[in-house]
Amino acid sequence: QVQLVESGGGLVQAGGSLRLSCAASGSIFSIYAMGWHRQAPGKQRDLVAVITVGGSTNYAESVKGRFTISRDNANNTVYLQMNTLKPEDTGVYYCKALTSAASYWGKGTLVTVSS
């Protein structure tokens, strides 16, 4: 089992920045990738960014050049640095951990970008 706790969401004006954190605990040795997904009101949950244990990253086209995913192995934490935020970035951001046996989700953190 893997437990994930997100933090760092909030209200920010367009053009501003936020940094989200996702702290993992439990069977963290089994995780091979972690990512952030976003669910806007009334829409499906979409991938925003992912990072593997090898350090490879991938981003949704809509956030490339503005968001950066990173990890701190010592603290079992993954971050999402979000810059130049836009109103369309508004949504609940969920952390996800992938293992060979299952995937795990955090409860999410709300990001609201005002215009």
C-alpha atoms as a PDB file:
ATOM      1  CA  GLN A   1       0.000   0.000   0.000  1.00  0.00           C
ATOM      2  CA  VAL A   2       1.058   3.543  -0.757  1.00  0.00           C
ATOM      3  CA  GLN A   3      -0.373   6.633   0.884  1.00  0.00           C
ATOM      4  CA  LEU A   4      -0.189  10.018  -0.812  1.00  0.00           C
ATOM      5  CA  VAL A   5      -0.837  13.426   0.714  1.00  0.00           C
ATOM      6  CA  GLU A   6      -0.948  16.534  -1.456  1.00  0.00           C
ATOM      7  CA  SER A   7      -0.490  20.099  -0.304  1.00  0.00           C
ATOM      8  CA  GLY A   8       0.184  23.541  -1.713  1.00  0.00           C
ATOM      9  CA  GLY A   9      -3.036  24.371  -3.504  1.00  0.00           C
ATOM     10  CA  GLY A  10      -4.781  27.696  -3.170  1.00  0.00           C
ATOM     11  CA  LEU A  11      -6.056  30.807  -4.894  1.00  0.00           C
ATOM     12  CA  VAL A  12      -3.694  32.718  -7.165  1.00  0.00           C
ATOM     13  CA  GLN A  13      -4.051  35.397  -9.802  1.00  0.00           C
ATOM     14  CA  ALA A  14      -3.340  34.669 -13.432  1.00  0.00           C
ATOM     15  CA  GLY A  15       0.372  34.907 -14.101  1.00  0.00           C
ATOM     16  CA  GLY A  16       1.250  33.792 -10.596  1.00  0.00           C
ATOM     17  CA  SER A  17       2.959  30.670  -9.303  1.00  0.00           C
ATOM     18  CA  LEU A  18       2.249  27.806  -6.935  1.00  0.00           C
ATOM     19  CA  ARG A  19       4.194  24.752  -5.860  1.00  0.00           C
ATOM     20  CA  LEU A  20       2.363  21.546  -5.073  1.00  0.00           C
ATOM     21  CA  SER A  21       3.842  18.799  -2.938  1.00  0.00           C
ATOM     22  CA  CYS A  22       2.985  15.118  -2.734  1.00  0.00           C
ATOM     23  CA  ALA A  23       4.389  13.139   0.169  1.00  0.00           C
ATOM     24  CA  ALA A  24       4.438   9.375  -0.245  1.00  0.00           C
ATOM     25  CA  SER A  25       4.549   6.794   2.528  1.00  0.00           C
ATOM     26  CA  GLY A  26       4.074   3.075   2.884  1.00  0.00           C
ATOM     27  CA  SER A  27       5.516   0.718   0.262  1.00  0.00           C
ATOM     28  CA  ILE A  28       7.417   3.467  -1.516  1.00  0.00           C
ATOM     29  CA  PHE A  29      10.104   1.064  -2.722  1.00  0.00           C
ATOM     30  CA  SER A  30       7.555  -0.366  -5.166  1.00  0.00           C
ATOM     31  CA  ILE A  31       6.828   2.952  -6.900  1.00  0.00           C
ATOM     32  CA  TYR A  32       8.248   3.283 -10.422  1.00  0.00           C
ATOM     33  CA  ALA A  33       6.583   6.557 -11.404  1.00  0.00           C
ATOM     34  CA  MET A  34       4.633   9.395  -9.871  1.00  0.00           C
ATOM     35  CA  GLY A  35       2.539  12.016 -11.516  1.00  0.00           C
ATOM     36  CA  TRP A  36       0.090  14.845 -11.204  1.00  0.00           C
ATOM     37  CA  HIS A  37      -3.359  14.816 -12.745  1.00  0.00           C
ATOM     38  CA  ARG A  38      -5.854  17.636 -12.936  1.00  0.00           C
ATOM     39  CA  GLN A  39      -9.626  17.599 -12.940  1.00  0.00           C
ATOM     40  CA  ALA A  40     -11.369  20.797 -13.915  1.00  0.00           C
ATOM     41  CA  PRO A  41     -15.021  21.321 -12.959  1.00  0.00           C
ATOM     42  CA  GLY A  42     -17.238  19.152 -15.121  1.00  0.00           C
ATOM     43  CA  LYS A  43     -14.330  17.559 -16.968  1.00  0.00           C
ATOM     44  CA  GLN A  44     -12.401  14.326 -16.811  1.00  0.00           C
ATOM     45  CA  ARG A  45      -9.179  13.866 -14.902  1.00  0.00           C
ATOM     46  CA  ASP A  46      -6.189  14.423 -17.194  1.00  0.00           C
ATOM     47  CA  LEU A  47      -2.478  13.860 -16.847  1.00  0.00           C
ATOM     48  CA  VAL A  48      -0.446  17.002 -16.199  1.00  0.00           C
ATOM     49  CA  ALA A  49       3.054  15.649 -15.582  1.00  0.00           C
ATOM     50  CA  VAL A  50       4.827  12.431 -14.659  1.00  0.00           C
ATOM     51  CA  ILE A  51       8.308  11.532 -13.404  1.00  0.00           C
ATOM     52  CA  THR A  52       9.868   8.070 -13.270  1.00  0.00           C
ATOM     53  CA  VAL A  53      12.322   6.699 -10.733  1.00  0.00           C
ATOM     54  CA  GLY A  54      14.947   7.161 -13.425  1.00  0.00           C
ATOM     55  CA  GLY A  55      14.170  10.857 -13.611  1.00  0.00           C
ATOM     56  CA  SER A  56      12.428  10.893 -16.982  1.00  0.00           C
ATOM     57  CA  THR A  57       9.612  13.387 -17.231  1.00  0.00           C
ATOM     58  CA  ASN A  58       6.636  13.959 -19.472  1.00  0.00           C
ATOM     59  CA  TYR A  59       4.180  16.835 -19.616  1.00  0.00           C
ATOM     60  CA  ALA A  60       0.830  17.657 -21.100  1.00  0.00           C
ATOM     61  CA  GLU A  61       1.216  20.008 -24.040  1.00  0.00           C
ATOM     62  CA  SER A  62      -0.830  22.670 -22.275  1.00  0.00           C
ATOM     63  CA  VAL A  63       1.689  22.996 -19.417  1.00  0.00           C
ATOM     64  CA  LYS A  64       5.007  22.533 -21.207  1.00  0.00           C
ATOM     65  CA  GLY A  65       7.378  25.377 -20.450  1.00  0.00           C
ATOM     66  CA  ARG A  66       5.291  26.524 -17.474  1.00  0.00           C
ATOM     67  CA  PHE A  67       5.191  23.540 -15.101  1.00  0.00           C
ATOM     68  CA  THR A  68       8.078  21.498 -13.749  1.00  0.00           C
ATOM     69  CA  ILE A  69       7.808  18.166 -11.958  1.00  0.00           C
ATOM     70  CA  SER A  70      10.614  17.121  -9.645  1.00  0.00           C
ATOM     71  CA  ARG A  71      11.294  14.707  -6.807  1.00  0.00           C
ATOM     72  CA  ASP A  72      13.127  14.580  -3.520  1.00  0.00           C
ATOM     73  CA  ASN A  73      14.010  10.959  -2.906  1.00  0.00           C
ATOM     74  CA  ALA A  74      15.299  11.618   0.596  1.00  0.00           C
ATOM     75  CA  ASN A  75      11.892  12.905   1.652  1.00  0.00           C
ATOM     76  CA  ASN A  76       9.794  10.701  -0.659  1.00  0.00           C
ATOM     77  CA  THR A  77       8.162  13.793  -2.080  1.00  0.00           C
ATOM     78  CA  VAL A  78       7.245  14.873  -5.581  1.00  0.00           C
ATOM     79  CA  TYR A  79       6.705  18.517  -6.460  1.00  0.00           C
ATOM     80  CA  LEU A  80       4.912  20.375  -9.200  1.00  0.00           C
ATOM     81  CA  GLN A  81       6.171  23.906  -9.737  1.00  0.00           C
ATOM     82  CA  MET A  82       3.523  25.831 -11.631  1.00  0.00           C
ATOM     83  CA  ASN A  83       4.451  29.183 -13.173  1.00  0.00           C
ATOM     84  CA  THR A  84       2.585  31.630 -15.389  1.00  0.00           C
ATOM     85  CA  LEU A  85      -0.703  30.153 -14.224  1.00  0.00           C
ATOM     86  CA  LYS A  86      -3.794  30.617 -16.356  1.00  0.00           C
ATOM     87  CA  PRO A  87      -7.491  30.457 -15.401  1.00  0.00           C
ATOM     88  CA  GLU A  88      -7.737  27.212 -17.383  1.00  0.00           C
ATOM     89  CA  ASP A  89      -5.270  25.634 -14.954  1.00  0.00           C
ATOM     90  CA  THR A  90      -7.997  25.735 -12.320  1.00  0.00           C
ATOM     91  CA  GLY A  91      -8.971  22.350 -10.927  1.00  0.00           C
ATOM     92  CA  VAL A  92      -8.291  19.730  -8.323  1.00  0.00           C
ATOM     93  CA  TYR A  93      -4.768  18.390  -8.639  1.00  0.00           C
ATOM     94  CA  TYR A  94      -4.286  14.764  -7.723  1.00  0.00           C
ATOM     95  CA  CYS A  95      -1.041  12.952  -7.060  1.00  0.00           C
ATOM     96  CA  LYS A  96      -0.727   9.434  -8.438  1.00  0.00           C
ATOM     97  CA  ALA A  97       1.806   6.705  -7.713  1.00  0.00           C
ATOM     98  CA  LEU A  98       2.336   3.739 -10.004  1.00  0.00           C
ATOM     99  CA  THR A  99       3.584   0.329  -8.911  1.00  0.00           C
ATOM    100  CA  SER A 100       3.642  -2.948 -10.798  1.00  0.00           C
ATOM    101  CA  ALA A 101       0.655  -4.137  -8.777  1.00  0.00           C
ATOM    102  CA  ALA A 102      -1.573  -1.074  -8.536  1.00  0.00           C
ATOM    103  CA  SER A 103      -1.920   2.658  -8.811  1.00  0.00           C
ATOM    104  CA  TYR A 104      -2.664   4.939  -5.886  1.00  0.00           C
ATOM    105  CA  TRP A 105      -4.262   8.367  -5.660  1.00  0.00           C
ATOM    106  CA  GLY A 106      -4.122  11.158  -3.156  1.00  0.00           C
ATOM    107  CA  LYS A 107      -7.241  13.052  -2.140  1.00  0.00           C
ATOM    108  CA  GLY A 108      -6.315  16.097  -4.193  1.00  0.00           C
ATOM    109  CA  THR A 109      -5.613  19.761  -3.625  1.00  0.00           C
ATOM    110  CA  LEU A 110      -7.618  22.591  -5.162  1.00  0.00           C
ATOM    111  CA  VAL A 111      -5.945  25.191  -7.354  1.00  0.00           C
ATOM    112  CA  THR A 112      -7.971  28.223  -8.367  1.00  0.00           C
ATOM    113  CA  VAL A 113      -6.548  30.742 -10.815  1.00  0.00           C
ATOM    114  CA  SER A 114      -8.449  34.009 -11.056  1.00  0.00           C
ATOM    115  CA  SER A 115      -8.396  36.199 -14.117  1.00  0.00           C
END
